[in-house]
Structures are given as C-alpha cells and as structure tokens.
Protein backbone atom coordinates (compact mmCIF):
# COMPACT_ATOMS: atom_id res chain seq x y z
CA MET A 1 9.53 28.54 18.29
CA ILE A 2 11.06 27.24 15.11
CA ALA A 3 8.55 24.81 14.08
CA LYS A 4 9.40 20.86 13.81
CA ASN A 5 9.51 19.90 10.24
CA LYS A 6 6.61 16.83 9.36
CA PRO A 7 7.91 13.45 8.88
CA GLU A 8 8.31 12.84 5.03
CA LEU A 9 5.08 10.64 3.53
CA LEU A 10 5.82 7.64 2.06
CA LYS A 11 4.65 6.82 -1.73
CA ILE A 12 3.41 3.19 -1.48
CA ASN A 13 5.38 1.62 -4.72
CA ARG A 14 6.44 -1.34 -6.19
CA GLN A 15 9.53 -1.24 -4.24
CA VAL A 16 8.75 -0.07 -0.79
CA LEU A 17 6.44 -3.19 -0.42
CA SER A 18 9.07 -5.36 -2.37
CA ASP A 19 12.05 -4.01 0.40
CA GLY A 20 10.45 -4.32 3.02
CA THR A 21 10.24 0.07 3.57
CA LEU A 22 6.13 -0.69 4.73
CA GLN A 23 6.59 -3.62 7.04
CA LYS A 24 9.73 -1.46 8.16
CA LEU A 25 7.54 1.48 9.02
CA ALA A 26 4.44 -0.22 9.90
CA SER A 27 6.32 -2.31 12.85
CA GLU A 28 7.03 0.98 14.56
CA ARG A 29 3.38 2.43 14.97
CA ILE A 30 1.18 -0.03 14.70
CA GLY A 31 -0.58 0.26 18.24
CA LYS A 32 -1.75 -1.87 20.71
CA ASN A 33 -3.14 -5.55 20.36
CA ALA A 34 -2.00 -5.19 16.76
CA LYS A 35 -0.25 -7.32 14.90
CA LEU A 36 2.09 -7.61 11.69
CA LEU A 37 2.62 -10.93 9.25
CA SER A 38 6.01 -11.77 9.26
CA ASP A 39 7.18 -12.69 6.14
CA ARG A 40 6.94 -16.21 6.55
CA GLU A 41 3.91 -15.53 7.39
CA LEU A 42 3.02 -13.67 4.02
CA LEU A 43 4.74 -16.35 2.09
CA ALA A 44 2.83 -19.47 3.50
CA SER A 45 -0.58 -17.56 3.29
CA ARG A 46 0.21 -16.69 -0.70
CA ARG A 47 1.29 -20.04 -1.13
CA SER A 48 -2.11 -21.21 0.31
CA VAL A 49 -3.82 -19.15 -2.48
CA ILE A 50 -0.98 -19.55 -5.43
CA LYS A 51 1.57 -21.77 -5.35
CA ASP A 52 5.17 -21.28 -6.32
CA SER A 53 4.66 -24.08 -9.26
CA HIS A 54 1.32 -22.14 -10.52
CA SER A 55 1.70 -21.97 -14.10
CA GLY A 56 -0.82 -22.05 -17.07
CA LYS A 57 -3.77 -19.31 -16.12
CA ASN A 58 -3.74 -16.29 -15.44
CA ILE A 59 -4.54 -14.59 -12.64
CA TRP A 60 -7.38 -12.18 -12.29
CA ILE A 61 -7.13 -9.37 -9.56
CA PHE A 62 -10.46 -7.68 -8.45
CA GLY A 63 -9.73 -3.77 -7.11
CA TYR A 64 -12.42 -2.52 -5.20
CA GLY A 65 -10.48 0.72 -3.47
CA SER A 66 -6.87 2.34 -3.37
CA LEU A 67 -6.02 -0.84 -5.97
CA ILE A 68 -7.93 0.58 -9.11
CA TRP A 69 -5.16 4.00 -8.69
CA ASN A 70 -2.27 2.74 -7.50
CA PRO A 71 -2.11 -0.60 -8.10
CA CYS A 72 1.24 -1.31 -7.55
CA PHE A 73 1.76 -4.66 -9.34
CA ASP A 74 2.13 -5.69 -12.89
CA PHE A 75 -0.72 -6.77 -15.62
CA ASP A 76 -1.65 -6.51 -18.73
CA MET A 77 -5.62 -5.77 -18.96
CA ARG A 78 -8.09 -4.23 -16.71
CA ILE A 79 -11.77 -4.08 -17.37
CA PRO A 80 -14.83 -3.06 -15.03
CA ALA A 81 -16.64 -5.71 -12.98
CA HIS A 82 -19.19 -6.88 -10.43
CA LEU A 83 -19.27 -8.27 -8.27
CA PHE A 84 -21.97 -9.81 -6.00
CA GLY A 85 -21.87 -11.29 -2.42
CA TYR A 86 -19.52 -8.28 -1.17
CA HIS A 87 -20.16 -5.17 -0.50
CA ARG A 88 -16.89 -1.98 -0.39
CA ARG A 89 -16.98 -0.21 3.19
CA PHE A 90 -15.16 1.60 5.76
CA CYS A 91 -14.87 -1.01 7.97
CA LEU A 92 -10.92 -1.40 8.25
CA SER A 93 -9.70 0.97 11.54
CA THR A 94 -5.65 1.75 10.09
CA THR A 95 -3.25 3.11 13.08
CA ILE A 96 -0.95 2.53 9.93
CA THR A 97 -1.01 3.82 6.25
CA ARG A 98 -3.74 6.57 7.14
CA GLY A 99 -4.33 6.74 10.65
CA SER A 100 -2.25 6.24 14.30
CA PRO A 101 -2.07 4.69 17.44
CA GLU A 102 -3.49 8.04 18.81
CA ASN A 103 -5.82 8.82 16.30
CA PRO A 104 -6.78 5.20 13.80
CA GLY A 105 -8.36 5.62 10.29
CA LEU A 106 -10.62 4.14 8.29
CA VAL A 107 -9.85 2.66 5.08
CA LEU A 108 -12.16 -0.04 2.56
CA GLY A 109 -12.86 -3.39 2.66
CA LEU A 110 -15.39 -5.84 0.96
CA ASP A 111 -18.01 -6.76 3.74
CA ARG A 112 -20.61 -9.40 3.02
CA GLY A 113 -23.62 -8.70 1.39
CA GLY A 114 -24.69 -6.40 -1.54
CA SER A 115 -22.67 -5.81 -4.87
CA THR A 116 -20.15 -3.82 -5.62
CA LYS A 117 -18.45 -2.66 -9.28
CA GLY A 118 -14.66 -2.36 -9.33
CA ILE A 119 -11.96 -3.23 -11.59
CA LEU A 120 -10.78 -6.29 -13.09
CA PHE A 121 -6.55 -6.78 -13.24
CA ARG A 122 -5.08 -9.57 -15.33
CA ILE A 123 -2.23 -10.75 -14.41
CA PRO A 124 0.09 -13.39 -16.92
CA ALA A 125 0.35 -16.96 -15.48
CA SER A 126 3.87 -16.45 -15.94
CA ILE A 127 4.85 -13.52 -13.59
CA ALA A 128 1.68 -14.31 -11.08
CA THR A 129 3.81 -15.88 -7.84
CA LYS A 130 6.30 -13.18 -8.11
CA GLU A 131 3.14 -10.23 -8.49
CA CYS A 132 1.17 -12.11 -5.54
CA ASP A 133 3.95 -11.94 -3.49
CA VAL A 134 3.74 -7.97 -4.18
CA ILE A 135 0.09 -8.09 -3.44
CA TRP A 136 0.31 -10.22 -0.86
CA LYS A 137 2.36 -7.67 1.15
CA ARG A 138 0.14 -4.70 0.63
CA GLU A 139 -2.98 -5.84 1.15
CA MET A 140 -2.37 -8.47 3.80
CA LEU A 141 0.30 -6.73 5.89
CA ASN A 142 -1.64 -7.25 8.74
CA GLY A 143 -3.62 -9.96 8.45
CA ALA A 144 -7.39 -8.22 8.20
CA TYR A 145 -8.27 -10.10 5.32
CA GLU A 146 -8.73 -13.26 3.78
CA PRO A 147 -7.67 -13.89 0.28
CA THR A 148 -11.00 -15.12 -1.51
CA TRP A 149 -11.77 -16.24 -4.84
CA VAL A 150 -15.19 -14.87 -6.66
CA ARG A 151 -16.98 -14.53 -9.48
CA ALA A 152 -17.10 -11.13 -11.46
CA LYS A 153 -19.45 -10.61 -13.51
CA ILE A 154 -17.99 -8.49 -17.05
CA ARG A 155 -19.41 -7.47 -20.23
CA ASP A 156 -21.80 -9.82 -22.01
CA LYS A 157 -22.62 -10.93 -18.56
CA LYS A 158 -19.37 -13.32 -18.66
CA ASN A 159 -18.02 -14.88 -15.20
CA LEU A 160 -14.26 -14.65 -14.13
CA LYS A 161 -12.93 -16.67 -11.61
CA ALA A 162 -11.01 -13.42 -9.35
CA LEU A 163 -8.66 -13.26 -6.36
CA THR A 164 -9.73 -10.68 -3.85
CA PHE A 165 -9.72 -9.62 -0.33
CA VAL A 166 -12.68 -9.56 1.95
CA ILE A 167 -12.39 -8.66 5.73
CA LYS A 168 -12.17 -10.86 8.75
CA ARG A 169 -14.86 -9.60 10.71
CA SER A 170 -13.19 -11.45 13.90
CA HIS A 171 -10.07 -9.05 13.68
CA PRO A 172 -9.69 -6.80 16.25
CA SER A 173 -9.67 -3.88 12.93
CA PHE A 174 -12.58 -4.64 11.92
CA VAL A 175 -15.35 -1.74 12.38
CA ALA A 176 -18.98 -2.51 12.44
CA PRO A 177 -21.68 -0.65 10.48
CA MET A 178 -21.60 3.64 11.37
CA SER A 179 -23.34 5.94 10.64
CA ASP A 180 -22.16 8.35 7.58
CA GLU A 181 -21.37 11.29 9.74
CA GLU A 182 -19.44 8.82 12.17
CA SER A 183 -17.26 7.43 9.38
CA ALA A 184 -16.51 11.02 8.09
CA THR A 185 -15.70 12.07 11.17
CA ILE A 186 -12.94 9.95 12.02
CA ILE A 187 -11.92 10.32 8.35
CA ALA A 188 -11.47 14.52 8.51
CA GLU A 189 -9.44 13.79 11.36
CA ALA A 190 -7.07 10.52 10.45
CA SER A 191 -3.56 10.65 9.23
CA GLY A 192 -1.24 8.12 8.61
CA ILE A 193 2.52 7.40 7.18
CA LEU A 194 0.78 7.10 3.57
CA GLY A 195 -1.05 10.77 4.35
CA SER A 196 -4.55 11.90 5.38
CA ASN A 197 -7.15 9.20 5.81
CA ALA A 198 -9.51 12.33 3.63
CA GLU A 199 -6.72 12.29 1.28
CA TYR A 200 -7.14 8.31 0.60
CA LEU A 201 -11.37 9.21 0.17
CA PHE A 202 -10.49 11.63 -2.15
CA ASN A 203 -8.63 9.41 -4.95
CA THR A 204 -10.79 6.36 -4.53
CA GLU A 205 -13.85 8.64 -5.36
CA GLU A 206 -12.29 10.16 -8.31
CA ALA A 207 -10.73 6.89 -8.90
CA LEU A 208 -14.01 5.22 -9.61
CA LYS A 209 -15.61 8.42 -10.94
CA HIS A 210 -12.98 7.80 -13.97
CA GLU A 211 -14.04 4.63 -14.40
CA GLY A 212 -17.88 5.41 -14.26
CA ILE A 213 -18.43 3.93 -11.04
CA TYR A 214 -20.90 5.84 -8.44
CA ASP A 215 -20.41 4.56 -5.09
CA TYR A 216 -22.72 7.16 -3.37
CA ARG A 217 -22.48 6.48 -0.20
CA LEU A 218 -18.89 6.51 -0.42
CA GLN A 219 -19.58 9.70 -2.17
CA LYS A 220 -21.66 11.26 1.14
CA VAL A 221 -19.25 10.39 3.03
CA SER A 222 -16.51 12.60 0.85
CA GLY A 223 -18.91 15.56 0.76
CA LEU A 224 -19.55 15.38 4.59
CA VAL A 225 -15.59 14.89 5.45
CA LYS A 226 -15.33 18.25 3.05
CA ALA A 227 -17.38 19.79 4.97
CA TYR A 228 -16.23 18.73 7.89
CA GLN A 229 -12.64 20.39 6.49
CA LYS A 230 -14.58 23.69 5.84
CA SER A 231 -16.04 24.19 9.54
C-alpha cells in the first residue's frame, strides 16, 4: 500500500496573512459552531480600536505567546514588560491552526487575574494602521480575543499604554481552567494547518526562556507533553 502524502504545513508569515491564505484554509476546516470574521468585520473591529486616520503616537503591542517568536508585523523596537491583571493560559480551543475539528488543540490567551511577563513591540505611528490590519488577520481570525488597551510596566517602573488581545470568556472556543495533565494530553495529540500543538508549546517555551522569562506552569505542561510523547 502506498502511503498518502501528508498535507504541506502552512508557514504563518506576513504574506499568508495579507493575501488571505490563512483565512481561506481556515474556512475549510473550522468545524461546527464556529465562525470566521469576514474582511469587513475585521476592518470594523480594527477601526474601533485604531482609526484609519491614526497619526502622531506610536502603538505598542504586548506579546505573550507566539507573537514573541513570530510576530509577522513590522516594528522598530521590542522590550521586556510586565503586565498586571492578566495571566497567560492555554484557554483557547483551536480547530484550525494547531488542532482540527476532530481533535481540537489548545493555544494561549490572556485570562483575567494574576500577571504576565512578555514583550512590547513598538509600531511607528506612520505605519500603525497598516500593521494593525496584519495583526488583526492573525489574532482576530475567529473573534475569540478582545483587543484591549492595558498598562504594561517596563524598566525603571515606567508604565506604557499598549494593545493586547484578551480571551473572550463568552466565546464558544473559550476553555475553562483544567489540570496541567489534561492540557498536556490535548496538546500532545493535536495538530493543525500550522503544525503540531506541541511544537507551538515548545517554541513558546524556548522564546520565553530566550527573553529571560520563566513561566513555570507552561514549563510543567511542556515536561508532561514530552513525557507523553515518549510513552
């Protein structure tokens, strides 16, 4: 018997976001009770936060997960920051990027409570609108996040106003807190159009370590996934 070739994985980058490739592939496998935002809805959402006429002030974006290792947008500065009031958690079920309708995966979101260390990216005001359109096509694919203005603390205890993406607890894809063991089992088995869920976890863990950020809960889940894969 000749084995079927595995479908080629999509590499997420600025091009596949801008030309709609990610949206097209996502629409083919989104699953039941799920909906993608249209181009019109994405634009309306972005305009509600960043106007077309935006000028004068640079925009800071707070990244806490895959944005740290694969931002896909243009920026001119990145610095470590500490955000209070939200914590990083595997709280979003995905049937697209790192999971399938038959075997959903888990990706990170910011959920209320606690604090999170991450990276602030500065987008010059002159390109803010264009770059935020790219970000929206990545982060707001199915509207599971709420674009939220926050205050992030940087060196010298200075606070910067920044935009980040917080999980919508009312969204159908929201996942309530579960044990690390349950999260690890899901992540170890899931895979989507961007690759395995485990790869997403390992890449994020490595990127955080590179920035001097140690998320012990994420590291525990990572260890459990590696042990599961060896068993």
